[in-house]
Amino acid sequence: MKVNVEIDKLVLHGFGVSDQKIISAAIEKELSRLIREEGLWQKGGENARPIVLSVGSLSLETAAKPQAIGLQVAHAIRKTSTQ
């Protein structure tokens, strides 16, 4: 089974370019882990439709490292997908 995760828009205000890349990589890695360990959020085989999620705004700790921010965002996406 092949899983494609496409994030249409990820807006990161107030972060430098290098931090944005770290955050994006952390989100991708954590979402991949969640899919492997917890399975797909929407099942449907060949006829599965894309899952569209809007996480909205998140409040993050100002002192959080980029890796931790990426994990928080990935878990917010996961939480949104199960509601």
PDB file of N, CA and C in Angstrom:
ATOM      1  N   MET A   1       0.839  -1.162   0.000  1.00  0.00           N
ATOM      2  CA  MET A   1       0.000   0.000   0.000  1.00  0.00           C
ATOM      3  C   MET A   1       0.896   1.242   0.000  1.00  0.00           C
ATOM      4  N   LYS A   2       0.526   2.200  -0.812  1.00  0.00           N
ATOM      5  CA  LYS A   2       1.281   3.440  -0.893  1.00  0.00           C
ATOM      6  C   LYS A   2       0.433   4.568  -0.320  1.00  0.00           C
ATOM      7  N   VAL A   3       1.057   5.400   0.494  1.00  0.00           N
ATOM      8  CA  VAL A   3       0.362   6.523   1.109  1.00  0.00           C
ATOM      9  C   VAL A   3       1.039   7.807   0.660  1.00  0.00           C
ATOM     10  N   ASN A   4       0.256   8.724   0.145  1.00  0.00           N
ATOM     11  CA  ASN A   4       0.770  10.036  -0.222  1.00  0.00           C
ATOM     12  C   ASN A   4       0.199  11.068   0.735  1.00  0.00           C
ATOM     13  N   VAL A   5       1.061  11.826   1.350  1.00  0.00           N
ATOM     14  CA  VAL A   5       0.639  12.915   2.220  1.00  0.00           C
ATOM     15  C   VAL A   5       1.041  14.202   1.533  1.00  0.00           C
ATOM     16  N   GLU A   6       0.056  15.030   1.244  1.00  0.00           N
ATOM     17  CA  GLU A   6       0.332  16.301   0.593  1.00  0.00           C
ATOM     18  C   GLU A   6      -0.203  17.419   1.468  1.00  0.00           C
ATOM     19  N   ILE A   7       0.678  18.304   1.837  1.00  0.00           N
ATOM     20  CA  ILE A   7       0.268  19.461   2.625  1.00  0.00           C
ATOM     21  C   ILE A   7       0.225  20.633   1.669  1.00  0.00           C
ATOM     22  N   ASP A   8      -0.973  21.108   1.405  1.00  0.00           N
ATOM     23  CA  ASP A   8      -1.163  22.174   0.434  1.00  0.00           C
ATOM     24  C   ASP A   8      -0.554  23.480   0.911  1.00  0.00           C
ATOM     25  N   LYS A   9      -0.740  23.757   2.186  1.00  0.00           N
ATOM     26  CA  LYS A   9      -0.263  25.036   2.694  1.00  0.00           C
ATOM     27  C   LYS A   9       0.177  24.890   4.142  1.00  0.00           C
ATOM     28  N   LEU A  10       1.373  25.330   4.417  1.00  0.00           N
ATOM     29  CA  LEU A  10       1.902  25.342   5.775  1.00  0.00           C
ATOM     30  C   LEU A  10       2.482  26.729   5.990  1.00  0.00           C
ATOM     31  N   VAL A  11       1.863  27.495   6.856  1.00  0.00           N
ATOM     32  CA  VAL A  11       2.292  28.869   7.094  1.00  0.00           C
ATOM     33  C   VAL A  11       2.986  28.928   8.450  1.00  0.00           C
ATOM     34  N   LEU A  12       4.236  29.347   8.436  1.00  0.00           N
ATOM     35  CA  LEU A  12       5.037  29.437   9.649  1.00  0.00           C
ATOM     36  C   LEU A  12       5.524  30.876   9.796  1.00  0.00           C
ATOM     37  N   HIS A  13       4.821  31.644  10.570  1.00  0.00           N
ATOM     38  CA  HIS A  13       5.201  33.042  10.791  1.00  0.00           C
ATOM     39  C   HIS A  13       6.240  33.134  11.897  1.00  0.00           C
ATOM     40  N   GLY A  14       7.216  33.999  11.702  1.00  0.00           N
ATOM     41  CA  GLY A  14       8.171  34.290  12.754  1.00  0.00           C
ATOM     42  C   GLY A  14       9.323  33.307  12.883  1.00  0.00           C
ATOM     43  N   PHE A  15       9.509  32.456  11.880  1.00  0.00           N
ATOM     44  CA  PHE A  15      10.597  31.481  11.910  1.00  0.00           C
ATOM     45  C   PHE A  15      11.544  31.753  10.752  1.00  0.00           C
ATOM     46  N   GLY A  16      12.831  31.534  10.982  1.00  0.00           N
ATOM     47  CA  GLY A  16      13.814  31.645   9.916  1.00  0.00           C
ATOM     48  C   GLY A  16      13.687  30.497   8.948  1.00  0.00           C
ATOM     49  N   VAL A  17      14.287  30.640   7.777  1.00  0.00           N
ATOM     50  CA  VAL A  17      14.202  29.607   6.738  1.00  0.00           C
ATOM     51  C   VAL A  17      14.735  28.266   7.234  1.00  0.00           C
ATOM     52  N   SER A  18      15.855  28.276   7.946  1.00  0.00           N
ATOM     53  CA  SER A  18      16.421  27.003   8.419  1.00  0.00           C
ATOM     54  C   SER A  18      15.486  26.338   9.427  1.00  0.00           C
ATOM     55  N   ASP A  19      14.850  27.135  10.312  1.00  0.00           N
ATOM     56  CA  ASP A  19      13.886  26.564  11.261  1.00  0.00           C
ATOM     57  C   ASP A  19      12.663  26.020  10.535  1.00  0.00           C
ATOM     58  N   GLN A  20      12.209  26.711   9.494  1.00  0.00           N
ATOM     59  CA  GLN A  20      11.051  26.236   8.734  1.00  0.00           C
ATOM     60  C   GLN A  20      11.323  24.867   8.121  1.00  0.00           C
ATOM     61  N   LYS A  21      12.550  24.670   7.621  1.00  0.00           N
ATOM     62  CA  LYS A  21      12.901  23.378   7.027  1.00  0.00           C
ATOM     63  C   LYS A  21      12.924  22.280   8.089  1.00  0.00           C
ATOM     64  N   ILE A  22      13.438  22.589   9.267  1.00  0.00           N
ATOM     65  CA  ILE A  22      13.474  21.608  10.359  1.00  0.00           C
ATOM     66  C   ILE A  22      12.054  21.262  10.798  1.00  0.00           C
ATOM     67  N   ILE A  23      11.207  22.279  10.926  1.00  0.00           N
ATOM     68  CA  ILE A  23       9.816  22.063  11.336  1.00  0.00           C
ATOM     69  C   ILE A  23       9.097  21.199  10.301  1.00  0.00           C
ATOM     70  N   SER A  24       9.244  21.535   9.029  1.00  0.00           N
ATOM     71  CA  SER A  24       8.597  20.753   7.962  1.00  0.00           C
ATOM     72  C   SER A  24       9.051  19.303   7.970  1.00  0.00           C
ATOM     73  N   ALA A  25      10.349  19.090   8.132  1.00  0.00           N
ATOM     74  CA  ALA A  25      10.879  17.719   8.167  1.00  0.00           C
ATOM     75  C   ALA A  25      10.340  16.961   9.375  1.00  0.00           C
ATOM     76  N   ALA A  26      10.224  17.627  10.512  1.00  0.00           N
ATOM     77  CA  ALA A  26       9.703  16.973  11.722  1.00  0.00           C
ATOM     78  C   ALA A  26       8.236  16.593  11.542  1.00  0.00           C
ATOM     79  N   ILE A  27       7.473  17.466  10.896  1.00  0.00           N
ATOM     80  CA  ILE A  27       6.056  17.158  10.632  1.00  0.00           C
ATOM     81  C   ILE A  27       5.953  15.928   9.738  1.00  0.00           C
ATOM     82  N   GLU A  28       6.717  15.923   8.659  1.00  0.00           N
ATOM     83  CA  GLU A  28       6.691  14.794   7.723  1.00  0.00           C
ATOM     84  C   GLU A  28       7.076  13.488   8.414  1.00  0.00           C
ATOM     85  N   LYS A  29       8.133  13.533   9.194  1.00  0.00           N
ATOM     86  CA  LYS A  29       8.608  12.325   9.884  1.00  0.00           C
ATOM     87  C   LYS A  29       7.579  11.816  10.888  1.00  0.00           C
ATOM     88  N   GLU A  30       6.993  12.733  11.659  1.00  0.00           N
ATOM     89  CA  GLU A  30       6.028  12.310  12.681  1.00  0.00           C
ATOM     90  C   GLU A  30       4.738  11.808  12.057  1.00  0.00           C
ATOM     91  N   LEU A  31       4.260  12.460  10.993  1.00  0.00           N
ATOM     92  CA  LEU A  31       3.049  11.962  10.326  1.00  0.00           C
ATOM     93  C   LEU A  31       3.292  10.583   9.733  1.00  0.00           C
ATOM     94  N   SER A  32       4.462  10.363   9.170  1.00  0.00           N
ATOM     95  CA  SER A  32       4.799   9.038   8.644  1.00  0.00           C
ATOM     96  C   SER A  32       4.783   7.993   9.750  1.00  0.00           C
ATOM     97  N   ARG A  33       5.348   8.344  10.896  1.00  0.00           N
ATOM     98  CA  ARG A  33       5.374   7.420  12.039  1.00  0.00           C
ATOM     99  C   ARG A  33       3.953   7.126  12.498  1.00  0.00           C
ATOM    100  N   LEU A  34       3.131   8.148  12.618  1.00  0.00           N
ATOM    101  CA  LEU A  34       1.755   7.946  13.071  1.00  0.00           C
ATOM    102  C   LEU A  34       0.975   7.056  12.111  1.00  0.00           C
ATOM    103  N   ILE A  35       1.176   7.260  10.818  1.00  0.00           N
ATOM    104  CA  ILE A  35       0.483   6.429   9.831  1.00  0.00           C
ATOM    105  C   ILE A  35       0.949   4.981   9.936  1.00  0.00           C
ATOM    106  N   ARG A  36       2.270   4.776  10.074  1.00  0.00           N
ATOM    107  CA  ARG A  36       2.797   3.405  10.204  1.00  0.00           C
ATOM    108  C   ARG A  36       2.272   2.719  11.458  1.00  0.00           C
ATOM    109  N   GLU A  37       2.276   3.433  12.576  1.00  0.00           N
ATOM    110  CA  GLU A  37       1.942   2.803  13.854  1.00  0.00           C
ATOM    111  C   GLU A  37       0.442   2.751  14.143  1.00  0.00           C
ATOM    112  N   GLU A  38      -0.296   3.731  13.667  1.00  0.00           N
ATOM    113  CA  GLU A  38      -1.718   3.794  14.005  1.00  0.00           C
ATOM    114  C   GLU A  38      -2.627   3.524  12.820  1.00  0.00           C
ATOM    115  N   GLY A  39      -2.062   3.373  11.643  1.00  0.00           N
ATOM    116  CA  GLY A  39      -2.862   3.108  10.457  1.00  0.00           C
ATOM    117  C   GLY A  39      -3.370   4.383   9.812  1.00  0.00           C
ATOM    118  N   LEU A  40      -4.081   4.180   8.726  1.00  0.00           N
ATOM    119  CA  LEU A  40      -4.628   5.313   7.991  1.00  0.00           C
ATOM    120  C   LEU A  40      -5.841   5.882   8.709  1.00  0.00           C
ATOM    121  N   TRP A  41      -6.051   7.147   8.520  1.00  0.00           N
ATOM    122  CA  TRP A  41      -7.200   7.790   9.157  1.00  0.00           C
ATOM    123  C   TRP A  41      -8.475   7.510   8.395  1.00  0.00           C
ATOM    124  N   GLN A  42      -8.391   7.369   7.100  1.00  0.00           N
ATOM    125  CA  GLN A  42      -9.575   7.097   6.293  1.00  0.00           C
ATOM    126  C   GLN A  42      -9.278   5.885   5.436  1.00  0.00           C
ATOM    127  N   LYS A  43     -10.097   4.882   5.546  1.00  0.00           N
ATOM    128  CA  LYS A  43      -9.865   3.681   4.762  1.00  0.00           C
ATOM    129  C   LYS A  43     -10.821   3.692   3.571  1.00  0.00           C
ATOM    130  N   GLY A  44     -10.444   3.033   2.516  1.00  0.00           N
ATOM    131  CA  GLY A  44     -11.325   2.996   1.370  1.00  0.00           C
ATOM    132  C   GLY A  44     -10.684   2.362   0.152  1.00  0.00           C
ATOM    133  N   GLY A  45      -9.494   1.869   0.296  1.00  0.00           N
ATOM    134  CA  GLY A  45      -8.837   1.167  -0.808  1.00  0.00           C
ATOM    135  C   GLY A  45      -8.616   2.067  -2.006  1.00  0.00           C
ATOM    136  N   GLU A  46      -8.836   1.494  -3.182  1.00  0.00           N
ATOM    137  CA  GLU A  46      -8.572   2.202  -4.433  1.00  0.00           C
ATOM    138  C   GLU A  46      -9.445   3.443  -4.602  1.00  0.00           C
ATOM    139  N   ASN A  47     -10.626   3.429  -4.015  1.00  0.00           N
ATOM    140  CA  ASN A  47     -11.565   4.535  -4.208  1.00  0.00           C
ATOM    141  C   ASN A  47     -11.535   5.548  -3.073  1.00  0.00           C
ATOM    142  N   ALA A  48     -10.507   5.499  -2.254  1.00  0.00           N
ATOM    143  CA  ALA A  48     -10.425   6.433  -1.133  1.00  0.00           C
ATOM    144  C   ALA A  48     -10.318   7.867  -1.648  1.00  0.00           C
ATOM    145  N   ARG A  49     -11.030   8.754  -0.994  1.00  0.00           N
ATOM    146  CA  ARG A  49     -10.970  10.170  -1.346  1.00  0.00           C
ATOM    147  C   ARG A  49      -9.927  10.846  -0.479  1.00  0.00           C
ATOM    148  N   PRO A  50      -9.377  11.941  -0.969  1.00  0.00           N
ATOM    149  CA  PRO A  50      -8.389  12.666  -0.157  1.00  0.00           C
ATOM    150  C   PRO A  50      -8.999  13.129   1.162  1.00  0.00           C
ATOM    151  N   ILE A  51      -8.185  13.165   2.169  1.00  0.00           N
ATOM    152  CA  ILE A  51      -8.605  13.674   3.471  1.00  0.00           C
ATOM    153  C   ILE A  51      -8.224  15.145   3.499  1.00  0.00           C
ATOM    154  N   VAL A  52      -9.208  15.984   3.749  1.00  0.00           N
ATOM    155  CA  VAL A  52      -8.950  17.417   3.803  1.00  0.00           C
ATOM    156  C   VAL A  52      -9.106  17.867   5.243  1.00  0.00           C
ATOM    157  N   LEU A  53      -8.048  18.433   5.781  1.00  0.00           N
ATOM    158  CA  LEU A  53      -8.050  18.880   7.168  1.00  0.00           C
ATOM    159  C   LEU A  53      -7.639  20.342   7.240  1.00  0.00           C
ATOM    160  N   SER A  54      -8.236  21.046   8.165  1.00  0.00           N
ATOM    161  CA  SER A  54      -7.785  22.398   8.453  1.00  0.00           C
ATOM    162  C   SER A  54      -7.523  22.457   9.943  1.00  0.00           C
ATOM    163  N   VAL A  55      -6.258  22.567  10.297  1.00  0.00           N
ATOM    164  CA  VAL A  55      -5.883  22.581  11.705  1.00  0.00           C
ATOM    165  C   VAL A  55      -6.172  23.945  12.320  1.00  0.00           C
ATOM    166  N   GLY A  56      -6.112  24.986  11.510  1.00  0.00           N
ATOM    167  CA  GLY A  56      -6.326  26.333  12.030  1.00  0.00           C
ATOM    168  C   GLY A  56      -5.067  26.851  12.695  1.00  0.00           C
ATOM    169  N   SER A  57      -5.235  27.724  13.641  1.00  0.00           N
ATOM    170  CA  SER A  57      -4.095  28.319  14.335  1.00  0.00           C
ATOM    171  C   SER A  57      -3.701  27.480  15.538  1.00  0.00           C
ATOM    172  N   LEU A  58      -2.416  27.454  15.817  1.00  0.00           N
ATOM    173  CA  LEU A  58      -1.900  26.751  16.988  1.00  0.00           C
ATOM    174  C   LEU A  58      -1.130  27.735  17.850  1.00  0.00           C
ATOM    175  N   SER A  59      -1.239  27.570  19.138  1.00  0.00           N
ATOM    176  CA  SER A  59      -0.407  28.347  20.051  1.00  0.00           C
ATOM    177  C   SER A  59       0.774  27.471  20.444  1.00  0.00           C
ATOM    178  N   LEU A  60       1.965  27.967  20.159  1.00  0.00           N
ATOM    179  CA  LEU A  60       3.175  27.195  20.435  1.00  0.00           C
ATOM    180  C   LEU A  60       4.028  27.928  21.451  1.00  0.00           C
ATOM    181  N   GLU A  61       4.795  27.173  22.199  1.00  0.00           N
ATOM    182  CA  GLU A  61       5.706  27.781  23.157  1.00  0.00           C
ATOM    183  C   GLU A  61       6.763  28.582  22.416  1.00  0.00           C
ATOM    184  N   THR A  62       7.009  29.783  22.875  1.00  0.00           N
ATOM    185  CA  THR A  62       7.986  30.642  22.192  1.00  0.00           C
ATOM    186  C   THR A  62       9.388  30.068  22.250  1.00  0.00           C
ATOM    187  N   ALA A  63       9.725  29.382  23.293  1.00  0.00           N
ATOM    188  CA  ALA A  63      11.085  28.854  23.454  1.00  0.00           C
ATOM    189  C   ALA A  63      11.247  27.452  22.860  1.00  0.00           C
ATOM    190  N   ALA A  64      10.195  26.917  22.270  1.00  0.00           N
ATOM    191  CA  ALA A  64      10.262  25.548  21.742  1.00  0.00           C
ATOM    192  C   ALA A  64      11.236  25.467  20.569  1.00  0.00           C
ATOM    193  N   LYS A  65      11.945  24.369  20.503  1.00  0.00           N
ATOM    194  CA  LYS A  65      12.880  24.129  19.402  1.00  0.00           C
ATOM    195  C   LYS A  65      12.082  23.723  18.157  1.00  0.00           C
ATOM    196  N   PRO A  66      12.622  23.972  16.961  1.00  0.00           N
ATOM    197  CA  PRO A  66      11.907  23.651  15.724  1.00  0.00           C
ATOM    198  C   PRO A  66      11.421  22.202  15.649  1.00  0.00           C
ATOM    199  N   GLN A  67      12.235  21.255  16.093  1.00  0.00           N
ATOM    200  CA  GLN A  67      11.842  19.837  16.081  1.00  0.00           C
ATOM    201  C   GLN A  67      10.581  19.621  16.916  1.00  0.00           C
ATOM    202  N   ALA A  68      10.532  20.228  18.105  1.00  0.00           N
ATOM    203  CA  ALA A  68       9.370  20.083  18.993  1.00  0.00           C
ATOM    204  C   ALA A  68       8.132  20.734  18.386  1.00  0.00           C
ATOM    205  N   ILE A  69       8.322  21.837  17.708  1.00  0.00           N
ATOM    206  CA  ILE A  69       7.199  22.508  17.048  1.00  0.00           C
ATOM    207  C   ILE A  69       6.631  21.606  15.959  1.00  0.00           C
ATOM    208  N   GLY A  70       7.506  20.988  15.183  1.00  0.00           N
ATOM    209  CA  GLY A  70       7.057  20.056  14.149  1.00  0.00           C
ATOM    210  C   GLY A  70       6.238  18.920  14.720  1.00  0.00           C
ATOM    211  N   LEU A  71       6.663  18.385  15.857  1.00  0.00           N
ATOM    212  CA  LEU A  71       5.912  17.306  16.511  1.00  0.00           C
ATOM    213  C   LEU A  71       4.545  17.796  16.959  1.00  0.00           C
ATOM    214  N   GLN A  72       4.488  19.005  17.531  1.00  0.00           N
ATOM    215  CA  GLN A  72       3.211  19.566  17.977  1.00  0.00           C
ATOM    216  C   GLN A  72       2.252  19.739  16.802  1.00  0.00           C
ATOM    217  N   VAL A  73       2.765  20.231  15.682  1.00  0.00           N
ATOM    218  CA  VAL A  73       1.922  20.429  14.507  1.00  0.00           C
ATOM    219  C   VAL A  73       1.404  19.084  13.990  1.00  0.00           C
ATOM    220  N   ALA A  74       2.271  18.083  13.905  1.00  0.00           N
ATOM    221  CA  ALA A  74       1.856  16.760  13.431  1.00  0.00           C
ATOM    222  C   ALA A  74       0.772  16.170  14.322  1.00  0.00           C
ATOM    223  N   HIS A  75       0.905  16.331  15.622  1.00  0.00           N
ATOM    224  CA  HIS A  75      -0.104  15.796  16.539  1.00  0.00           C
ATOM    225  C   HIS A  75      -1.404  16.588  16.450  1.00  0.00           C
ATOM    226  N   ALA A  76      -1.319  17.873  16.156  1.00  0.00           N
ATOM    227  CA  ALA A  76      -2.534  18.663  15.948  1.00  0.00           C
ATOM    228  C   ALA A  76      -3.260  18.191  14.691  1.00  0.00           C
ATOM    229  N   ILE A  77      -2.495  17.853  13.652  1.00  0.00           N
ATOM    230  CA  ILE A  77      -3.095  17.310  12.435  1.00  0.00           C
ATOM    231  C   ILE A  77      -3.772  15.978  12.750  1.00  0.00           C
ATOM    232  N   ARG A  78      -3.092  15.135  13.497  1.00  0.00           N
ATOM    233  CA  ARG A  78      -3.659  13.824  13.874  1.00  0.00           C
ATOM    234  C   ARG A  78      -4.929  13.998  14.688  1.00  0.00           C
ATOM    235  N   LYS A  79      -4.908  14.916  15.642  1.00  0.00           N
ATOM    236  CA  LYS A  79      -6.077  15.150  16.501  1.00  0.00           C
ATOM    237  C   LYS A  79      -7.244  15.647  15.663  1.00  0.00           C
ATOM    238  N   THR A  80      -6.986  16.547  14.727  1.00  0.00           N
ATOM    239  CA  THR A  80      -8.030  17.083  13.864  1.00  0.00           C
ATOM    240  C   THR A  80      -8.640  15.979  13.014  1.00  0.00           C
ATOM    241  N   SER A  81      -7.818  15.024  12.563  1.00  0.00           N
ATOM    242  CA  SER A  81      -8.298  13.970  11.676  1.00  0.00           C
ATOM    243  C   SER A  81      -9.186  12.961  12.383  1.00  0.00           C
ATOM    244  N   THR A  82      -9.154  12.910  13.692  1.00  0.00           N
ATOM    245  CA  THR A  82      -9.962  11.920  14.418  1.00  0.00           C
ATOM    246  C   THR A  82     -11.239  12.514  14.995  1.00  0.00           C
ATOM    247  N   GLN A  83     -11.453  13.786  14.767  1.00  0.00           N
ATOM    248  CA  GLN A  83     -12.662  14.424  15.320  1.00  0.00           C
ATOM    249  C   GLN A  83     -13.848  14.222  14.442  1.00  0.00           C
TER     250      GLN A  83
END
